N, C-alpha and C. Protein backbone atom coordinates (compact mmCIF):
# COMPACT_ATOMS: atom_id res chain seq x y z
N MET A 1 -40.48 0.14 -65.47
CA MET A 1 -39.98 -1.20 -65.56
C MET A 1 -40.99 -2.16 -64.95
N ALA A 2 -41.35 -3.19 -65.67
CA ALA A 2 -42.35 -4.14 -65.22
C ALA A 2 -41.77 -5.13 -64.22
N LEU A 3 -42.63 -5.58 -63.33
CA LEU A 3 -42.23 -6.61 -62.38
C LEU A 3 -42.09 -7.95 -63.11
N ALA A 4 -41.18 -8.75 -62.66
CA ALA A 4 -41.06 -10.10 -63.21
C ALA A 4 -42.29 -10.91 -62.79
N LYS A 5 -42.87 -11.63 -63.72
CA LYS A 5 -44.04 -12.42 -63.37
C LYS A 5 -43.68 -13.59 -62.46
N LYS A 6 -42.47 -14.12 -62.64
CA LYS A 6 -42.03 -15.22 -61.78
C LYS A 6 -41.85 -14.69 -60.36
N GLY A 7 -42.52 -15.31 -59.43
CA GLY A 7 -42.41 -14.90 -58.04
C GLY A 7 -43.39 -13.82 -57.62
N SER A 8 -44.17 -13.30 -58.56
CA SER A 8 -45.13 -12.26 -58.20
C SER A 8 -46.49 -12.88 -57.96
N ARG A 9 -47.33 -12.15 -57.28
CA ARG A 9 -48.68 -12.62 -56.95
C ARG A 9 -49.70 -11.61 -57.41
N LEU A 10 -50.85 -12.12 -57.81
CA LEU A 10 -51.95 -11.25 -58.21
C LEU A 10 -52.82 -10.94 -57.00
N ILE A 11 -53.35 -9.73 -56.98
CA ILE A 11 -54.28 -9.32 -55.94
C ILE A 11 -55.28 -8.37 -56.58
N THR A 12 -56.53 -8.48 -56.20
CA THR A 12 -57.57 -7.57 -56.68
C THR A 12 -57.99 -6.69 -55.52
N VAL A 13 -57.89 -5.38 -55.75
CA VAL A 13 -58.25 -4.39 -54.73
C VAL A 13 -59.28 -3.45 -55.33
N ASP A 14 -60.44 -3.42 -54.72
CA ASP A 14 -61.54 -2.56 -55.17
C ASP A 14 -61.83 -2.73 -56.66
N GLY A 15 -61.80 -3.97 -57.13
CA GLY A 15 -62.14 -4.28 -58.51
C GLY A 15 -61.02 -4.13 -59.52
N THR A 16 -59.84 -3.76 -59.09
CA THR A 16 -58.69 -3.58 -59.99
C THR A 16 -57.64 -4.63 -59.67
N ALA A 17 -57.11 -5.27 -60.72
CA ALA A 17 -56.09 -6.31 -60.54
C ALA A 17 -54.70 -5.69 -60.51
N TYR A 18 -53.90 -6.12 -59.55
CA TYR A 18 -52.52 -5.67 -59.40
C TYR A 18 -51.62 -6.90 -59.29
N ARG A 19 -50.34 -6.70 -59.53
CA ARG A 19 -49.33 -7.73 -59.34
C ARG A 19 -48.33 -7.18 -58.31
N TRP A 20 -47.97 -8.00 -57.32
CA TRP A 20 -47.02 -7.54 -56.31
C TRP A 20 -45.94 -8.58 -56.10
N ARG A 21 -44.80 -8.11 -55.65
CA ARG A 21 -43.65 -9.01 -55.48
C ARG A 21 -42.76 -8.52 -54.36
N LEU A 22 -42.37 -9.47 -53.52
CA LEU A 22 -41.40 -9.24 -52.46
C LEU A 22 -40.10 -9.89 -52.88
N ARG A 23 -39.02 -9.19 -52.75
CA ARG A 23 -37.71 -9.75 -53.10
C ARG A 23 -37.46 -10.96 -52.20
N GLY A 24 -37.12 -12.10 -52.81
CA GLY A 24 -36.91 -13.33 -52.06
C GLY A 24 -35.72 -13.28 -51.13
N ARG A 25 -34.61 -12.78 -51.64
CA ARG A 25 -33.41 -12.62 -50.81
C ARG A 25 -33.35 -11.19 -50.30
N PRO A 26 -32.96 -11.03 -49.06
CA PRO A 26 -32.85 -9.66 -48.56
C PRO A 26 -31.65 -8.94 -49.18
N THR A 27 -31.75 -7.61 -49.26
CA THR A 27 -30.58 -6.83 -49.63
C THR A 27 -29.59 -6.92 -48.47
N TYR A 28 -28.38 -6.41 -48.65
CA TYR A 28 -27.38 -6.49 -47.59
C TYR A 28 -27.89 -5.84 -46.30
N ASP A 29 -28.43 -4.61 -46.42
CA ASP A 29 -28.93 -3.91 -45.23
C ASP A 29 -30.13 -4.62 -44.62
N GLN A 30 -30.99 -5.19 -45.47
CA GLN A 30 -32.13 -5.94 -44.94
C GLN A 30 -31.67 -7.21 -44.24
N GLY A 31 -30.65 -7.86 -44.78
CA GLY A 31 -30.10 -9.07 -44.17
C GLY A 31 -29.53 -8.81 -42.79
N LEU A 32 -28.97 -7.62 -42.59
CA LEU A 32 -28.41 -7.23 -41.30
C LEU A 32 -29.42 -6.50 -40.42
N VAL A 33 -30.65 -6.43 -40.85
CA VAL A 33 -31.76 -5.76 -40.16
C VAL A 33 -31.41 -4.30 -39.89
N GLN A 34 -30.81 -3.66 -40.89
CA GLN A 34 -30.52 -2.23 -40.82
C GLN A 34 -31.57 -1.41 -41.58
N SER A 35 -32.31 -2.07 -42.46
CA SER A 35 -33.39 -1.40 -43.18
C SER A 35 -34.56 -2.38 -43.29
N PRO A 36 -35.77 -1.84 -43.37
CA PRO A 36 -36.96 -2.70 -43.40
C PRO A 36 -37.19 -3.32 -44.78
N VAL A 37 -38.07 -4.29 -44.81
CA VAL A 37 -38.42 -4.96 -46.06
C VAL A 37 -39.27 -4.04 -46.94
N THR A 38 -39.08 -4.14 -48.24
CA THR A 38 -39.87 -3.40 -49.21
C THR A 38 -40.46 -4.38 -50.21
N TYR A 39 -41.54 -3.97 -50.85
CA TYR A 39 -42.10 -4.77 -51.93
C TYR A 39 -42.67 -3.83 -52.99
N ALA A 40 -42.86 -4.38 -54.18
CA ALA A 40 -43.29 -3.56 -55.32
C ALA A 40 -44.66 -4.02 -55.80
N VAL A 41 -45.43 -3.07 -56.32
CA VAL A 41 -46.78 -3.33 -56.82
C VAL A 41 -46.92 -2.60 -58.15
N GLU A 42 -47.64 -3.22 -59.09
CA GLU A 42 -47.97 -2.56 -60.35
C GLU A 42 -49.34 -3.02 -60.82
N HIS A 43 -49.92 -2.27 -61.73
CA HIS A 43 -51.19 -2.66 -62.33
C HIS A 43 -50.96 -3.94 -63.12
N ALA A 44 -51.87 -4.89 -63.05
CA ALA A 44 -51.67 -6.21 -63.64
C ALA A 44 -51.69 -6.20 -65.16
N GLU A 45 -52.50 -5.35 -65.78
CA GLU A 45 -52.63 -5.38 -67.23
C GLU A 45 -51.93 -4.23 -67.95
N THR A 46 -51.80 -3.10 -67.33
CA THR A 46 -51.26 -1.91 -67.98
C THR A 46 -49.93 -1.53 -67.36
N SER A 47 -48.92 -1.37 -68.21
CA SER A 47 -47.62 -0.94 -67.72
C SER A 47 -47.69 0.53 -67.34
N GLY A 48 -47.26 0.86 -66.17
CA GLY A 48 -47.31 2.24 -65.70
C GLY A 48 -46.34 2.44 -64.56
N THR A 49 -46.71 3.27 -63.62
CA THR A 49 -45.86 3.58 -62.48
C THR A 49 -45.86 2.44 -61.47
N THR A 50 -44.68 2.06 -61.02
CA THR A 50 -44.54 1.03 -60.00
C THR A 50 -44.63 1.67 -58.62
N LEU A 51 -45.34 1.01 -57.74
CA LEU A 51 -45.45 1.44 -56.34
C LEU A 51 -44.43 0.65 -55.53
N VAL A 52 -43.61 1.34 -54.75
CA VAL A 52 -42.63 0.69 -53.87
C VAL A 52 -43.03 1.03 -52.44
N ILE A 53 -43.37 -0.01 -51.67
CA ILE A 53 -43.83 0.17 -50.30
C ILE A 53 -42.74 -0.29 -49.34
N THR A 54 -42.35 0.60 -48.45
CA THR A 54 -41.40 0.27 -47.39
C THR A 54 -42.20 0.01 -46.12
N THR A 55 -42.02 -1.18 -45.56
CA THR A 55 -42.77 -1.56 -44.36
C THR A 55 -42.02 -1.18 -43.09
N ASN A 56 -42.57 -1.57 -41.96
CA ASN A 56 -41.90 -1.29 -40.68
C ASN A 56 -41.39 -2.57 -40.02
N GLN A 57 -41.14 -3.59 -40.82
CA GLN A 57 -40.69 -4.86 -40.26
C GLN A 57 -39.46 -5.38 -40.98
N PRO A 58 -38.69 -6.25 -40.34
CA PRO A 58 -37.50 -6.80 -40.99
C PRO A 58 -37.88 -7.81 -42.07
N HIS A 59 -36.94 -8.04 -42.98
CA HIS A 59 -37.15 -9.04 -44.03
C HIS A 59 -37.28 -10.41 -43.35
N PRO A 60 -38.27 -11.23 -43.76
CA PRO A 60 -38.45 -12.54 -43.13
C PRO A 60 -37.23 -13.46 -43.26
N SER A 61 -36.39 -13.24 -44.27
CA SER A 61 -35.20 -14.08 -44.48
C SER A 61 -33.92 -13.38 -44.05
N ASN A 62 -33.99 -12.50 -43.05
CA ASN A 62 -32.78 -11.80 -42.61
C ASN A 62 -31.80 -12.80 -42.01
N TRP A 63 -30.53 -12.42 -41.96
CA TRP A 63 -29.44 -13.32 -41.57
C TRP A 63 -29.24 -13.42 -40.07
N LEU A 64 -29.90 -12.56 -39.31
CA LEU A 64 -29.67 -12.55 -37.87
C LEU A 64 -30.73 -13.30 -37.08
N GLY A 65 -31.71 -13.84 -37.78
CA GLY A 65 -32.76 -14.58 -37.10
C GLY A 65 -33.79 -13.72 -36.41
N THR A 66 -33.75 -12.41 -36.67
CA THR A 66 -34.75 -11.51 -36.10
C THR A 66 -36.10 -11.87 -36.70
N HIS A 67 -37.11 -11.96 -35.86
CA HIS A 67 -38.43 -12.37 -36.32
C HIS A 67 -39.01 -11.34 -37.29
N GLY A 68 -39.30 -11.80 -38.49
CA GLY A 68 -39.94 -10.96 -39.49
C GLY A 68 -41.20 -11.64 -39.98
N ASN A 69 -42.33 -11.01 -39.85
CA ASN A 69 -43.60 -11.59 -40.29
C ASN A 69 -43.70 -11.56 -41.81
N PRO A 70 -44.39 -12.52 -42.38
CA PRO A 70 -44.59 -12.47 -43.83
C PRO A 70 -45.51 -11.30 -44.20
N ILE A 71 -45.36 -10.82 -45.41
CA ILE A 71 -46.24 -9.77 -45.92
C ILE A 71 -47.53 -10.45 -46.36
N LEU A 72 -48.64 -10.05 -45.78
CA LEU A 72 -49.93 -10.67 -46.06
C LEU A 72 -50.68 -9.87 -47.13
N PRO A 73 -51.53 -10.55 -47.90
CA PRO A 73 -52.33 -9.85 -48.91
C PRO A 73 -53.14 -8.69 -48.36
N ALA A 74 -53.63 -8.81 -47.13
CA ALA A 74 -54.39 -7.70 -46.53
C ALA A 74 -53.51 -6.46 -46.36
N GLN A 75 -52.23 -6.66 -46.00
CA GLN A 75 -51.31 -5.53 -45.88
C GLN A 75 -51.06 -4.90 -47.24
N VAL A 76 -50.91 -5.73 -48.25
CA VAL A 76 -50.69 -5.22 -49.61
C VAL A 76 -51.89 -4.40 -50.06
N ALA A 77 -53.09 -4.93 -49.83
CA ALA A 77 -54.31 -4.21 -50.22
C ALA A 77 -54.41 -2.86 -49.50
N ASP A 78 -54.10 -2.84 -48.21
CA ASP A 78 -54.12 -1.57 -47.46
C ASP A 78 -53.09 -0.59 -48.01
N GLY A 79 -51.90 -1.09 -48.35
CA GLY A 79 -50.87 -0.23 -48.93
C GLY A 79 -51.29 0.35 -50.27
N ILE A 80 -51.93 -0.47 -51.09
CA ILE A 80 -52.41 0.00 -52.39
C ILE A 80 -53.46 1.09 -52.21
N ARG A 81 -54.41 0.86 -51.32
CA ARG A 81 -55.45 1.87 -51.07
C ARG A 81 -54.84 3.18 -50.56
N THR A 82 -53.88 3.07 -49.65
CA THR A 82 -53.22 4.27 -49.11
C THR A 82 -52.48 5.01 -50.22
N ALA A 83 -51.79 4.29 -51.09
CA ALA A 83 -51.03 4.92 -52.17
C ALA A 83 -51.95 5.60 -53.18
N VAL A 84 -53.05 4.96 -53.51
CA VAL A 84 -54.00 5.56 -54.46
C VAL A 84 -54.56 6.85 -53.86
N THR A 85 -54.88 6.83 -52.57
CA THR A 85 -55.37 8.04 -51.89
C THR A 85 -54.31 9.13 -51.88
N ALA A 86 -53.02 8.73 -51.79
CA ALA A 86 -51.92 9.69 -51.74
C ALA A 86 -51.50 10.17 -53.13
N GLY A 87 -52.14 9.65 -54.20
CA GLY A 87 -51.84 10.17 -55.53
C GLY A 87 -51.19 9.21 -56.50
N TRP A 88 -50.99 7.95 -56.13
CA TRP A 88 -50.40 6.98 -57.06
C TRP A 88 -51.38 6.68 -58.18
N THR A 89 -50.93 6.81 -59.41
CA THR A 89 -51.74 6.49 -60.58
C THR A 89 -51.07 5.34 -61.31
N PRO A 90 -51.50 4.10 -61.04
CA PRO A 90 -50.80 2.92 -61.53
C PRO A 90 -50.76 2.76 -63.04
N LYS A 91 -51.69 3.37 -63.77
CA LYS A 91 -51.71 3.22 -65.23
C LYS A 91 -50.89 4.29 -65.94
N SER A 92 -50.49 5.33 -65.24
CA SER A 92 -49.74 6.43 -65.86
C SER A 92 -48.25 6.15 -65.81
N PRO A 93 -47.53 6.48 -66.88
CA PRO A 93 -46.07 6.30 -66.85
C PRO A 93 -45.42 7.31 -65.91
N GLY A 94 -44.26 6.96 -65.42
CA GLY A 94 -43.53 7.87 -64.56
C GLY A 94 -42.59 7.12 -63.64
N PRO A 95 -41.88 7.86 -62.81
CA PRO A 95 -40.93 7.23 -61.87
C PRO A 95 -41.69 6.45 -60.80
N PRO A 96 -41.01 5.55 -60.11
CA PRO A 96 -41.67 4.80 -59.04
C PRO A 96 -42.27 5.71 -57.99
N PHE A 97 -43.41 5.31 -57.48
CA PHE A 97 -44.09 6.03 -56.41
C PHE A 97 -43.72 5.33 -55.10
N HIS A 98 -43.12 6.06 -54.18
CA HIS A 98 -42.66 5.47 -52.91
C HIS A 98 -43.66 5.77 -51.80
N LEU A 99 -44.04 4.72 -51.10
CA LEU A 99 -44.92 4.85 -49.94
C LEU A 99 -44.14 4.35 -48.73
N ASP A 100 -43.83 5.25 -47.83
CA ASP A 100 -43.02 4.92 -46.65
C ASP A 100 -43.93 4.63 -45.46
N GLN A 101 -43.98 3.38 -45.07
CA GLN A 101 -44.74 2.96 -43.89
C GLN A 101 -43.79 2.37 -42.85
N SER A 102 -42.58 2.93 -42.78
CA SER A 102 -41.54 2.37 -41.92
C SER A 102 -41.53 2.93 -40.50
N ALA A 103 -42.50 3.75 -40.16
CA ALA A 103 -42.53 4.30 -38.79
C ALA A 103 -42.59 3.16 -37.79
N GLY A 104 -41.70 3.17 -36.83
CA GLY A 104 -41.67 2.14 -35.80
C GLY A 104 -40.65 1.05 -36.07
N PHE A 105 -39.98 1.07 -37.23
CA PHE A 105 -38.95 0.07 -37.50
C PHE A 105 -37.75 0.32 -36.60
N VAL A 106 -37.24 -0.74 -35.97
CA VAL A 106 -36.09 -0.62 -35.08
C VAL A 106 -34.97 -1.46 -35.68
N PRO A 107 -33.89 -0.83 -36.16
CA PRO A 107 -32.75 -1.59 -36.70
C PRO A 107 -32.07 -2.40 -35.61
N PHE A 108 -31.45 -3.50 -36.01
CA PHE A 108 -30.71 -4.35 -35.07
C PHE A 108 -29.41 -3.65 -34.70
N HIS A 109 -29.05 -3.68 -33.43
CA HIS A 109 -27.81 -3.04 -32.98
C HIS A 109 -26.79 -4.07 -32.62
């Protein structure tokens, strides 16, 4: 399934163009700071496997006012490089590739 172009951003990593998107509104668990923010990445020109990256920080728009930093392009680029090293093939069809970088996330109590 392709990412919606509306709200997505282009990024070039090691000469390859990708499109990434962070959900604008948090999910219920993200809003309550029970789960960390996630974002999706795909190859910009070729439909293939979507990369889903789970971070270790709360959603910036959570409902409890817990400080959540914005996802920066440098973080996205690092996540893409890590996923490619771990076996993500963005041009090949298949189920979403999940990259869990949530170590250190502390849910709100």
